[in-house]
PDB file of N, CA and C in Angstrom:
ATOM      1  N   MET A   1      21.076 132.724 170.289  1.00  0.00           N
ATOM      2  CA  MET A   1      20.966 131.331 170.672  1.00  0.00           C
ATOM      3  C   MET A   1      22.295 130.644 170.450  1.00  0.00           C
ATOM      4  N   THR A   2      22.621 129.810 171.354  1.00  0.00           N
ATOM      5  CA  THR A   2      23.861 129.065 171.213  1.00  0.00           C
ATOM      6  C   THR A   2      23.519 127.603 171.058  1.00  0.00           C
ATOM      7  N   SER A   3      24.348 126.950 170.322  1.00  0.00           N
ATOM      8  CA  SER A   3      24.140 125.526 170.088  1.00  0.00           C
ATOM      9  C   SER A   3      25.238 124.767 170.808  1.00  0.00           C
ATOM     10  N   THR A   4      24.882 123.636 171.355  1.00  0.00           N
ATOM     11  CA  THR A   4      25.872 122.837 172.074  1.00  0.00           C
ATOM     12  C   THR A   4      26.462 121.762 171.184  1.00  0.00           C
ATOM     13  N   THR A   5      25.947 121.623 169.985  1.00  0.00           N
ATOM     14  CA  THR A   5      26.499 120.585 169.105  1.00  0.00           C
ATOM     15  C   THR A   5      27.684 121.156 168.340  1.00  0.00           C
ATOM     16  N   PRO A   6      28.727 120.391 168.218  1.00  0.00           N
ATOM     17  CA  PRO A   6      29.903 120.876 167.486  1.00  0.00           C
ATOM     18  C   PRO A   6      29.586 120.960 165.988  1.00  0.00           C
ATOM     19  N   PRO A   7      30.219 121.880 165.279  1.00  0.00           N
ATOM     20  CA  PRO A   7      29.963 121.980 163.840  1.00  0.00           C
ATOM     21  C   PRO A   7      30.502 120.763 163.114  1.00  0.00           C
ATOM     22  N   SER A   8      29.778 120.364 162.110  1.00  0.00           N
ATOM     23  CA  SER A   8      30.215 119.186 161.351  1.00  0.00           C
ATOM     24  C   SER A   8      31.341 119.593 160.408  1.00  0.00           C
ATOM     25  N   SER A   9      32.043 118.633 159.914  1.00  0.00           N
ATOM     26  CA  SER A   9      33.177 118.920 159.032  1.00  0.00           C
ATOM     27  C   SER A   9      32.696 119.503 157.707  1.00  0.00           C
ATOM     28  N   ALA A  10      31.492 119.151 157.244  1.00  0.00           N
ATOM     29  CA  ALA A  10      30.958 119.692 155.994  1.00  0.00           C
ATOM     30  C   ALA A  10      30.606 121.167 156.158  1.00  0.00           C
ATOM     31  N   ALA A  11      30.091 121.563 157.314  1.00  0.00           N
ATOM     32  CA  ALA A  11      29.720 122.955 157.551  1.00  0.00           C
ATOM     33  C   ALA A  11      30.966 123.815 157.755  1.00  0.00           C
ATOM     34  N   ALA A  12      32.041 123.241 158.270  1.00  0.00           N
ATOM     35  CA  ALA A  12      33.255 124.005 158.521  1.00  0.00           C
ATOM     36  C   ALA A  12      34.047 124.240 157.240  1.00  0.00           C
ATOM     37  N   ALA A  13      33.830 123.445 156.201  1.00  0.00           N
ATOM     38  CA  ALA A  13      34.567 123.590 154.944  1.00  0.00           C
ATOM     39  C   ALA A  13      34.091 124.850 154.225  1.00  0.00           C
ATOM     40  N   SER A  14      34.942 125.415 153.391  1.00  0.00           N
ATOM     41  CA  SER A  14      34.574 126.631 152.667  1.00  0.00           C
ATOM     42  C   SER A  14      33.514 126.298 151.611  1.00  0.00           C
ATOM     43  N   PRO A  15      32.599 127.253 151.368  1.00  0.00           N
ATOM     44  CA  PRO A  15      31.531 126.978 150.407  1.00  0.00           C
ATOM     45  C   PRO A  15      32.089 126.940 148.986  1.00  0.00           C
ATOM     46  N   THR A  16      31.408 126.202 148.149  1.00  0.00           N
ATOM     47  CA  THR A  16      31.840 126.085 146.754  1.00  0.00           C
ATOM     48  C   THR A  16      31.370 127.299 145.970  1.00  0.00           C
ATOM     49  N   PHE A  17      31.842 127.419 144.724  1.00  0.00           N
ATOM     50  CA  PHE A  17      31.464 128.543 143.883  1.00  0.00           C
ATOM     51  C   PHE A  17      29.967 128.531 143.598  1.00  0.00           C
ATOM     52  N   GLY A  18      29.417 127.367 143.387  1.00  0.00           N
ATOM     53  CA  GLY A  18      27.983 127.262 143.124  1.00  0.00           C
ATOM     54  C   GLY A  18      27.147 127.741 144.304  1.00  0.00           C
ATOM     55  N   GLU A  19      27.591 127.405 145.521  1.00  0.00           N
ATOM     56  CA  GLU A  19      26.864 127.858 146.710  1.00  0.00           C
ATOM     57  C   GLU A  19      26.970 129.375 146.867  1.00  0.00           C
ATOM     58  N   LEU A  20      28.154 129.922 146.618  1.00  0.00           N
ATOM     59  CA  LEU A  20      28.313 131.369 146.690  1.00  0.00           C
ATOM     60  C   LEU A  20      27.444 132.072 145.649  1.00  0.00           C
ATOM     61  N   LEU A  21      27.406 131.528 144.439  1.00  0.00           N
ATOM     62  CA  LEU A  21      26.584 132.112 143.383  1.00  0.00           C
ATOM     63  C   LEU A  21      25.110 132.017 143.741  1.00  0.00           C
ATOM     64  N   GLU A  22      24.722 130.924 144.321  1.00  0.00           N
ATOM     65  CA  GLU A  22      23.321 130.739 144.731  1.00  0.00           C
ATOM     66  C   GLU A  22      22.936 131.746 145.818  1.00  0.00           C
ATOM     67  N   ASP A  23      23.872 132.088 146.689  1.00  0.00           N
ATOM     68  CA  ASP A  23      23.584 133.072 147.734  1.00  0.00           C
ATOM     69  C   ASP A  23      23.621 134.508 147.194  1.00  0.00           C
ATOM     70  N   THR A  24      24.411 134.751 146.155  1.00  0.00           N
ATOM     71  CA  THR A  24      24.600 136.107 145.644  1.00  0.00           C
ATOM     72  C   THR A  24      23.518 136.535 144.669  1.00  0.00           C
ATOM     73  N   LEU A  25      23.028 135.649 143.849  1.00  0.00           N
ATOM     74  CA  LEU A  25      22.042 136.013 142.825  1.00  0.00           C
ATOM     75  C   LEU A  25      20.784 136.669 143.390  1.00  0.00           C
ATOM     76  N   PRO A  26      20.219 136.198 144.472  1.00  0.00           N
ATOM     77  CA  PRO A  26      19.042 136.900 144.995  1.00  0.00           C
ATOM     78  C   PRO A  26      19.350 138.323 145.455  1.00  0.00           C
ATOM     79  N   VAL A  27      20.572 138.559 145.925  1.00  0.00           N
ATOM     80  CA  VAL A  27      20.937 139.906 146.363  1.00  0.00           C
ATOM     81  C   VAL A  27      21.019 140.844 145.165  1.00  0.00           C
ATOM     82  N   ILE A  28      21.543 140.355 144.040  1.00  0.00           N
ATOM     83  CA  ILE A  28      21.667 141.189 142.841  1.00  0.00           C
ATOM     84  C   ILE A  28      20.291 141.561 142.305  1.00  0.00           C
ATOM     85  N   ASP A  29      19.339 140.626 142.344  1.00  0.00           N
ATOM     86  CA  ASP A  29      18.008 140.884 141.803  1.00  0.00           C
ATOM     87  C   ASP A  29      17.085 141.588 142.791  1.00  0.00           C
ATOM     88  N   THR A  30      17.559 141.879 143.979  1.00  0.00           N
ATOM     89  CA  THR A  30      16.707 142.503 144.980  1.00  0.00           C
ATOM     90  C   THR A  30      16.388 143.936 144.591  1.00  0.00           C
ATOM     91  N   VAL A  31      15.144 144.318 144.774  1.00  0.00           N
ATOM     92  CA  VAL A  31      14.737 145.691 144.525  1.00  0.00           C
ATOM     93  C   VAL A  31      14.999 146.461 145.813  1.00  0.00           C
ATOM     94  N   TYR A  32      15.867 147.452 145.726  1.00  0.00           N
ATOM     95  CA  TYR A  32      16.254 148.216 146.905  1.00  0.00           C
ATOM     96  C   TYR A  32      15.347 149.436 147.009  1.00  0.00           C
ATOM     97  N   VAL A  33      14.514 149.492 147.982  1.00  0.00           N
ATOM     98  CA  VAL A  33      13.583 150.582 148.252  1.00  0.00           C
ATOM     99  C   VAL A  33      12.833 150.951 146.975  1.00  0.00           C
ATOM    100  N   ALA A  34      12.211 149.980 146.399  1.00  0.00           N
ATOM    101  CA  ALA A  34      11.374 150.145 145.219  1.00  0.00           C
ATOM    102  C   ALA A  34      12.135 150.771 144.061  1.00  0.00           C
ATOM    103  N   GLY A  35      13.428 150.525 143.974  1.00  0.00           N
ATOM    104  CA  GLY A  35      14.238 151.030 142.880  1.00  0.00           C
ATOM    105  C   GLY A  35      14.599 149.900 141.940  1.00  0.00           C
ATOM    106  N   PRO A  36      15.413 150.180 140.939  1.00  0.00           N
ATOM    107  CA  PRO A  36      15.788 149.129 139.994  1.00  0.00           C
ATOM    108  C   PRO A  36      16.741 148.126 140.632  1.00  0.00           C
ATOM    109  N   PRO A  37      16.857 146.959 140.073  1.00  0.00           N
ATOM    110  CA  PRO A  37      17.799 145.973 140.608  1.00  0.00           C
ATOM    111  C   PRO A  37      19.238 146.502 140.544  1.00  0.00           C
ATOM    112  N   VAL A  38      20.049 146.007 141.430  1.00  0.00           N
ATOM    113  CA  VAL A  38      21.433 146.462 141.518  1.00  0.00           C
ATOM    114  C   VAL A  38      22.170 146.197 140.207  1.00  0.00           C
ATOM    115  N   LEU A  39      21.880 145.079 139.549  1.00  0.00           N
ATOM    116  CA  LEU A  39      22.536 144.749 138.287  1.00  0.00           C
ATOM    117  C   LEU A  39      22.221 145.790 137.224  1.00  0.00           C
ATOM    118  N   LEU A  40      21.007 146.292 137.198  1.00  0.00           N
ATOM    119  CA  LEU A  40      20.625 147.302 136.226  1.00  0.00           C
ATOM    120  C   LEU A  40      21.363 148.614 136.504  1.00  0.00           C
ATOM    121  N   LEU A  41      21.491 149.005 137.765  1.00  0.00           N
ATOM    122  CA  LEU A  41      22.253 150.209 138.102  1.00  0.00           C
ATOM    123  C   LEU A  41      23.714 150.061 137.714  1.00  0.00           C
ATOM    124  N   TRP A  42      24.265 148.896 137.948  1.00  0.00           N
ATOM    125  CA  TRP A  42      25.657 148.650 137.610  1.00  0.00           C
ATOM    126  C   TRP A  42      25.862 148.721 136.106  1.00  0.00           C
ATOM    127  N   ALA A  43      24.965 148.140 135.346  1.00  0.00           N
ATOM    128  CA  ALA A  43      25.087 148.155 133.889  1.00  0.00           C
ATOM    129  C   ALA A  43      24.987 149.588 133.361  1.00  0.00           C
ATOM    130  N   GLY A  44      24.114 150.390 133.927  1.00  0.00           N
ATOM    131  CA  GLY A  44      24.002 151.784 133.496  1.00  0.00           C
ATOM    132  C   GLY A  44      25.255 152.569 133.806  1.00  0.00           C
ATOM    133  N   THR A  45      25.840 152.333 134.952  1.00  0.00           N
ATOM    134  CA  THR A  45      27.079 153.021 135.317  1.00  0.00           C
ATOM    135  C   THR A  45      28.213 152.627 134.391  1.00  0.00           C
ATOM    136  N   VAL A  46      28.317 151.354 134.093  1.00  0.00           N
ATOM    137  CA  VAL A  46      29.370 150.885 133.182  1.00  0.00           C
ATOM    138  C   VAL A  46      29.151 151.457 131.789  1.00  0.00           C
ATOM    139  N   LEU A  47      27.916 151.478 131.325  1.00  0.00           N
ATOM    140  CA  LEU A  47      27.620 152.031 130.004  1.00  0.00           C
ATOM    141  C   LEU A  47      27.983 153.516 129.957  1.00  0.00           C
ATOM    142  N   LEU A  48      27.629 154.255 130.985  1.00  0.00           N
ATOM    143  CA  LEU A  48      27.967 155.674 131.029  1.00  0.00           C
ATOM    144  C   LEU A  48      29.484 155.870 131.033  1.00  0.00           C
ATOM    145  N   ALA A  49      30.196 155.076 131.791  1.00  0.00           N
ATOM    146  CA  ALA A  49      31.656 155.183 131.838  1.00  0.00           C
ATOM    147  C   ALA A  49      32.267 154.871 130.480  1.00  0.00           C
ATOM    148  N   LEU A  50      31.751 153.873 129.792  1.00  0.00           N
ATOM    149  CA  LEU A  50      32.272 153.538 128.471  1.00  0.00           C
ATOM    150  C   LEU A  50      31.959 154.624 127.451  1.00  0.00           C
ATOM    151  N   MET A  51      30.809 155.258 127.580  1.00  0.00           N
ATOM    152  CA  MET A  51      30.456 156.337 126.654  1.00  0.00           C
ATOM    153  C   MET A  51      31.337 157.557 126.887  1.00  0.00           C
ATOM    154  N   LEU A  52      31.759 157.807 128.121  1.00  0.00           N
ATOM    155  CA  LEU A  52      32.585 158.961 128.428  1.00  0.00           C
ATOM    156  C   LEU A  52      34.072 158.691 128.233  1.00  0.00           C
ATOM    157  N   ALA A  53      34.473 157.441 128.114  1.00  0.00           N
ATOM    158  CA  ALA A  53      35.897 157.109 128.019  1.00  0.00           C
ATOM    159  C   ALA A  53      36.507 157.647 126.733  1.00  0.00           C
ATOM    160  N   GLY A  54      35.818 157.534 125.616  1.00  0.00           N
ATOM    161  CA  GLY A  54      36.361 158.003 124.340  1.00  0.00           C
ATOM    162  C   GLY A  54      36.577 159.503 124.317  1.00  0.00           C
ATOM    163  N   PRO A  55      35.545 160.308 124.623  1.00  0.00           N
ATOM    164  CA  PRO A  55      35.761 161.754 124.629  1.00  0.00           C
ATOM    165  C   PRO A  55      36.806 162.198 125.654  1.00  0.00           C
ATOM    166  N   PHE A  56      36.848 161.543 126.796  1.00  0.00           N
ATOM    167  CA  PHE A  56      37.852 161.902 127.797  1.00  0.00           C
ATOM    168  C   PHE A  56      39.250 161.597 127.275  1.00  0.00           C
ATOM    169  N   ALA A  57      39.416 160.449 126.638  1.00  0.00           N
ATOM    170  CA  ALA A  57      40.726 160.095 126.080  1.00  0.00           C
ATOM    171  C   ALA A  57      41.120 161.086 124.992  1.00  0.00           C
ATOM    172  N   LEU A  58      40.160 161.507 124.174  1.00  0.00           N
ATOM    173  CA  LEU A  58      40.443 162.484 123.127  1.00  0.00           C
ATOM    174  C   LEU A  58      40.873 163.825 123.725  1.00  0.00           C
ATOM    175  N   MET A  59      40.154 164.281 124.757  1.00  0.00           N
ATOM    176  CA  MET A  59      40.524 165.539 125.409  1.00  0.00           C
ATOM    177  C   MET A  59      41.903 165.433 126.055  1.00  0.00           C
ATOM    178  N   ALA A  60      42.180 164.327 126.708  1.00  0.00           N
ATOM    179  CA  ALA A  60      43.487 164.138 127.342  1.00  0.00           C
ATOM    180  C   ALA A  60      44.593 164.143 126.292  1.00  0.00           C
ATOM    181  N   MET A  61      44.344 163.517 125.139  1.00  0.00           N
ATOM    182  CA  MET A  61      45.341 163.483 124.080  1.00  0.00           C
ATOM    183  C   MET A  61      45.593 164.887 123.526  1.00  0.00           C
ATOM    184  N   VAL A  62      44.544 165.678 123.364  1.00  0.00           N
ATOM    185  CA  VAL A  62      44.702 167.049 122.866  1.00  0.00           C
ATOM    186  C   VAL A  62      45.509 167.880 123.865  1.00  0.00           C
ATOM    187  N   VAL A  63      45.217 167.748 125.144  1.00  0.00           N
ATOM    188  CA  VAL A  63      45.949 168.507 126.165  1.00  0.00           C
ATOM    189  C   VAL A  63      47.422 168.100 126.174  1.00  0.00           C
ATOM    190  N   VAL A  64      47.699 166.818 126.086  1.00  0.00           N
ATOM    191  CA  VAL A  64      49.091 166.346 126.077  1.00  0.00           C
ATOM    192  C   VAL A  64      49.805 166.828 124.813  1.00  0.00           C
ATOM    193  N   ALA A  65      49.125 166.794 123.670  1.00  0.00           N
ATOM    194  CA  ALA A  65      49.741 167.260 122.420  1.00  0.00           C
ATOM    195  C   ALA A  65      50.043 168.760 122.484  1.00  0.00           C
ATOM    196  N   LEU A  66      49.130 169.545 123.039  1.00  0.00           N
ATOM    197  CA  LEU A  66      49.375 170.985 123.168  1.00  0.00           C
ATOM    198  C   LEU A  66      50.535 171.268 124.126  1.00  0.00           C
ATOM    199  N   ALA A  67      50.606 170.522 125.202  1.00  0.00           N
ATOM    200  CA  ALA A  67      51.714 170.703 126.149  1.00  0.00           C
ATOM    201  C   ALA A  67      53.048 170.339 125.496  1.00  0.00           C
ATOM    202  N   ALA A  68      53.062 169.266 124.711  1.00  0.00           N
ATOM    203  CA  ALA A  68      54.293 168.870 124.024  1.00  0.00           C
ATOM    204  C   ALA A  68      54.693 169.916 122.987  1.00  0.00           C
ATOM    205  N   ALA A  69      53.724 170.447 122.245  1.00  0.00           N
ATOM    206  CA  ALA A  69      54.024 171.482 121.254  1.00  0.00           C
ATOM    207  C   ALA A  69      54.559 172.740 121.930  1.00  0.00           C
ATOM    208  N   THR A  70      53.973 173.121 123.047  1.00  0.00           N
ATOM    209  CA  THR A  70      54.447 174.294 123.792  1.00  0.00           C
ATOM    210  C   THR A  70      55.885 174.080 124.278  1.00  0.00           C
ATOM    211  N   ALA A  71      56.169 172.889 124.768  1.00  0.00           N
ATOM    212  CA  ALA A  71      57.529 172.591 125.234  1.00  0.00           C
ATOM    213  C   ALA A  71      58.519 172.639 124.078  1.00  0.00           C
ATOM    214  N   LEU A  72      58.137 172.140 122.908  1.00  0.00           N
ATOM    215  CA  LEU A  72      59.036 172.176 121.761  1.00  0.00           C
ATOM    216  C   LEU A  72      59.300 173.605 121.296  1.00  0.00           C
ATOM    217  N   VAL A  73      58.265 174.443 121.274  1.00  0.00           N
ATOM    218  CA  VAL A  73      58.444 175.839 120.877  1.00  0.00           C
ATOM    219  C   VAL A  73      59.344 176.559 121.880  1.00  0.00           C
ATOM    220  N   ALA A  74      59.136 176.312 123.165  1.00  0.00           N
ATOM    221  CA  ALA A  74      59.979 176.940 124.183  1.00  0.00           C
ATOM    222  C   ALA A  74      61.433 176.472 124.054  1.00  0.00           C
ATOM    223  N   LEU A  75      61.634 175.205 123.775  1.00  0.00           N
ATOM    224  CA  LEU A  75      62.983 174.675 123.605  1.00  0.00           C
ATOM    225  C   LEU A  75      63.651 175.286 122.382  1.00  0.00           C
ATOM    226  N   ALA A  76      62.913 175.390 121.279  1.00  0.00           N
ATOM    227  CA  ALA A  76      63.477 176.007 120.072  1.00  0.00           C
ATOM    228  C   ALA A  76      63.817 177.473 120.327  1.00  0.00           C
ATOM    229  N   GLY A  77      62.958 178.182 121.035  1.00  0.00           N
ATOM    230  CA  GLY A  77      63.245 179.572 121.364  1.00  0.00           C
ATOM    231  C   GLY A  77      64.480 179.712 122.230  1.00  0.00           C
ATOM    232  N   ALA A  78      64.649 178.810 123.175  1.00  0.00           N
ATOM    233  CA  ALA A  78      65.830 178.858 124.043  1.00  0.00           C
ATOM    234  C   ALA A  78      67.096 178.575 123.250  1.00  0.00           C
ATOM    235  N   ILE A  79      67.026 177.650 122.306  1.00  0.00           N
ATOM    236  CA  ILE A  79      68.202 177.328 121.490  1.00  0.00           C
ATOM    237  C   ILE A  79      68.575 178.506 120.599  1.00  0.00           C
ATOM    238  N   VAL A  80      67.575 179.159 120.013  1.00  0.00           N
ATOM    239  CA  VAL A  80      67.847 180.295 119.127  1.00  0.00           C
ATOM    240  C   VAL A  80      68.328 181.502 119.927  1.00  0.00           C
ATOM    241  N   ALA A  81      67.788 181.737 121.094  1.00  0.00           N
ATOM    242  CA  ALA A  81      68.113 182.937 121.866  1.00  0.00           C
ATOM    243  C   ALA A  81      69.429 182.832 122.627  1.00  0.00           C
ATOM    244  N   SER A  82      69.915 181.639 122.898  1.00  0.00           N
ATOM    245  CA  SER A  82      71.100 181.507 123.747  1.00  0.00           C
ATOM    246  C   SER A  82      72.335 182.204 123.182  1.00  0.00           C
ATOM    247  N   PRO A  83      72.671 182.135 121.883  1.00  0.00           N
ATOM    248  CA  PRO A  83      73.856 182.875 121.411  1.00  0.00           C
ATOM    249  C   PRO A  83      73.713 184.385 121.617  1.00  0.00           C
ATOM    250  N   PHE A  84      72.529 184.935 121.368  1.00  0.00           N
ATOM    251  CA  PHE A  84      72.311 186.366 121.566  1.00  0.00           C
ATOM    252  C   PHE A  84      72.492 186.750 123.032  1.00  0.00           C
ATOM    253  N   LEU A  85      71.985 185.924 123.916  1.00  0.00           N
ATOM    254  CA  LEU A  85      72.118 186.217 125.342  1.00  0.00           C
ATOM    255  C   LEU A  85      73.572 186.147 125.802  1.00  0.00           C
ATOM    256  N   ILE A  86      74.321 185.196 125.260  1.00  0.00           N
ATOM    257  CA  ILE A  86      75.732 185.070 125.641  1.00  0.00           C
ATOM    258  C   ILE A  86      76.513 186.288 125.167  1.00  0.00           C
ATOM    259  N   VAL A  87      76.278 186.703 123.911  1.00  0.00           N
ATOM    260  CA  VAL A  87      76.987 187.870 123.382  1.00  0.00           C
ATOM    261  C   VAL A  87      76.624 189.112 124.176  1.00  0.00           C
ATOM    262  N   ARG A  88      75.353 189.310 124.489  1.00  0.00           N
ATOM    263  CA  ARG A  88      74.937 190.475 125.266  1.00  0.00           C
ATOM    264  C   ARG A  88      75.588 190.468 126.648  1.00  0.00           C
ATOM    265  N   HIS A  89      75.660 189.292 127.268  1.00  0.00           N
ATOM    266  CA  HIS A  89      76.293 189.181 128.585  1.00  0.00           C
ATOM    267  C   HIS A  89      77.780 189.536 128.509  1.00  0.00           C
ATOM    268  N   LEU A  90      78.470 189.021 127.494  1.00  0.00           N
ATOM    269  CA  LEU A  90      79.901 189.298 127.375  1.00  0.00           C
ATOM    270  C   LEU A  90      80.162 190.768 127.089  1.00  0.00           C
ATOM    271  N   ARG A  91      79.343 191.397 126.240  1.00  0.00           N
ATOM    272  CA  ARG A  91      79.512 192.825 125.963  1.00  0.00           C
ATOM    273  C   ARG A  91      79.277 193.660 127.220  1.00  0.00           C
ATOM    274  N   ALA A  92      78.251 193.338 127.975  1.00  0.00           N
ATOM    275  CA  ALA A  92      77.970 194.073 129.211  1.00  0.00           C
ATOM    276  C   ALA A  92      79.103 193.891 130.208  1.00  0.00           C
ATOM    277  N   ARG A  93      79.662 192.712 130.270  1.00  0.00           N
ATOM    278  CA  ARG A  93      80.770 192.456 131.192  1.00  0.00           C
ATOM    279  C   ARG A  93      82.003 193.254 130.791  1.00  0.00           C
ATOM    280  N   ARG A  94      82.280 193.280 129.488  1.00  0.00           N
ATOM    281  CA  ARG A  94      83.426 194.042 129.000  1.00  0.00           C
ATOM    282  C   ARG A  94      83.230 195.534 129.276  1.00  0.00           C
ATOM    283  N   GLN A  95      82.010 196.017 129.085  1.00  0.00           N
ATOM    284  CA  GLN A  95      81.733 197.432 129.332  1.00  0.00           C
ATOM    285  C   GLN A  95      81.879 197.776 130.818  1.00  0.00           C
ATOM    286  N   ARG A  96      81.399 196.900 131.689  1.00  0.00           N
ATOM    287  CA  ARG A  96      81.544 197.140 133.126  1.00  0.00           C
ATOM    288  C   ARG A  96      83.008 197.177 133.539  1.00  0.00           C
ATOM    289  N   ARG A  97      83.799 196.300 132.954  1.00  0.00           N
ATOM    290  CA  ARG A  97      85.229 196.295 133.276  1.00  0.00           C
ATOM    291  C   ARG A  97      85.893 197.582 132.791  1.00  0.00           C
ATOM    292  N   ALA A  98      85.496 198.048 131.617  1.00  0.00           N
ATOM    293  CA  ALA A  98      86.105 199.262 131.080  1.00  0.00           C
ATOM    294  C   ALA A  98      85.725 200.473 131.914  1.00  0.00           C
ATOM    295  N   VAL A  99      84.507 200.518 132.422  1.00  0.00           N
ATOM    296  CA  VAL A  99      84.055 201.650 133.219  1.00  0.00           C
ATOM    297  C   VAL A  99      84.637 201.591 134.630  1.00  0.00           C
ATOM    298  N   SER A 100      84.708 200.448 135.220  1.00  0.00           N
ATOM    299  CA  SER A 100      85.146 200.341 136.610  1.00  0.00           C
ATOM    300  C   SER A 100      86.660 200.430 136.757  1.00  0.00           C
ATOM    301  N   ALA A 101      87.406 200.024 135.759  1.00  0.00           N
ATOM    302  CA  ALA A 101      88.873 200.069 135.870  1.00  0.00           C
ATOM    303  C   ALA A 101      89.358 201.452 135.455  1.00  0.00           C
ATOM    304  N   PRO A 102      90.116 202.140 136.307  1.00  0.00           N
ATOM    305  CA  PRO A 102      90.643 203.459 135.918  1.00  0.00           C
ATOM    306  C   PRO A 102      91.680 203.307 134.810  1.00  0.00           C
ATOM    307  N   ALA A 103      91.773 204.313 134.042  1.00  0.00           N
ATOM    308  CA  ALA A 103      92.737 204.272 132.950  1.00  0.00           C
ATOM    309  C   ALA A 103      94.141 204.335 133.540  1.00  0.00           C
ATOM    310  N   ARG A 104      94.931 203.379 133.239  1.00  0.00           N
ATOM    311  CA  ARG A 104      96.298 203.325 133.754  1.00  0.00           C
ATOM    312  C   ARG A 104      97.256 203.820 132.672  1.00  0.00           C
ATOM    313  N   PRO A 105      98.134 204.677 133.062  1.00  0.00           N
ATOM    314  CA  PRO A 105      99.101 205.116 132.046  1.00  0.00           C
ATOM    315  C   PRO A 105     100.049 203.976 131.733  1.00  0.00           C
ATOM    316  N   LEU A 106     100.445 203.953 130.531  1.00  0.00           N
ATOM    317  CA  LEU A 106     101.389 202.912 130.147  1.00  0.00           C
ATOM    318  C   LEU A 106     102.719 203.186 130.836  1.00  0.00           C
ATOM    319  N   ALA A 107     103.339 202.167 131.273  1.00  0.00           N
ATOM    320  CA  ALA A 107     104.640 202.326 131.928  1.00  0.00           C
ATOM    321  C   ALA A 107     105.638 202.802 130.881  1.00  0.00           C
ATOM    322  N   SER A 108     106.311 203.843 131.228  1.00  0.00           N
ATOM    323  CA  SER A 108     107.279 204.363 130.256  1.00  0.00           C
ATOM    324  C   SER A 108     108.445 203.407 130.186  1.00  0.00           C
ATOM    325  N   VAL A 109     108.811 203.134 129.015  1.00  0.00           N
ATOM    326  CA  VAL A 109     109.899 202.202 128.807  1.00  0.00           C
ATOM    327  C   VAL A 109     111.188 203.012 128.794  1.00  0.00           C
ATOM    328  N   GLN A 110     112.011 202.768 129.746  1.00  0.00           N
ATOM    329  CA  GLN A 110     113.286 203.471 129.810  1.00  0.00           C
ATOM    330  C   GLN A 110     114.395 202.476 129.481  1.00  0.00           C
ATOM    331  N   PRO A 111     115.302 202.953 128.704  1.00  0.00           N
ATOM    332  CA  PRO A 111     116.400 202.020 128.341  1.00  0.00           C
ATOM    333  C   PRO A 111     117.244 201.713 129.560  1.00  0.00           C
ATOM    334  N   GLN A 112     117.604 200.504 129.663  1.00  0.00           N
ATOM    335  CA  GLN A 112     118.464 200.106 130.776  1.00  0.00           C
ATOM    336  C   GLN A 112     119.912 200.340 130.392  1.00  0.00           C
ATOM    337  N   HIS A 113     120.646 200.877 131.337  1.00  0.00           N
ATOM    338  CA  HIS A 113     122.048 201.128 131.058  1.00  0.00           C
ATOM    339  C   HIS A 113     122.840 199.868 131.326  1.00  0.00           C
ATOM    340  N   VAL A 114     123.648 199.626 130.414  1.00  0.00           N
ATOM    341  CA  VAL A 114     124.499 198.465 130.566  1.00  0.00           C
ATOM    342  C   VAL A 114     125.871 198.968 131.001  1.00  0.00           C
ATOM    343  N   VAL A 115     126.335 198.450 132.111  1.00  0.00           N
ATOM    344  CA  VAL A 115     127.632 198.837 132.623  1.00  0.00           C
ATOM    345  C   VAL A 115     128.646 197.834 132.069  1.00  0.00           C
ATOM    346  N   ALA A 116     129.672 198.417 131.453  1.00  0.00           N
ATOM    347  CA  ALA A 116     130.648 197.527 130.844  1.00  0.00           C
ATOM    348  C   ALA A 116     131.900 197.433 131.666  1.00  0.00           C
TER     349      ALA A 116
END
């Protein structure tokens, strides 16, 4: 249906908070398909979330602490092992050079003749 009367200025204005609350409250208390009111479902969900928040935070803290401890142990191991690895690398490099380079005879030192 269409109306030919123009909307009044009061109807065109935005509704107040009280009017919005008056329109919303019946929806919250409505029984949806013979179930509990929406407010009761919402309260149960919030209660369940609050009950699970503490144990979840505790588990997350334990996982983060274990990860930090593992990182610290790995860092300490890397710091302790690095000198050994450097020495092993240098020894292997020296050995490879000794094996790959043929033995060169020392240049015989011959006295230079001085012409007077």
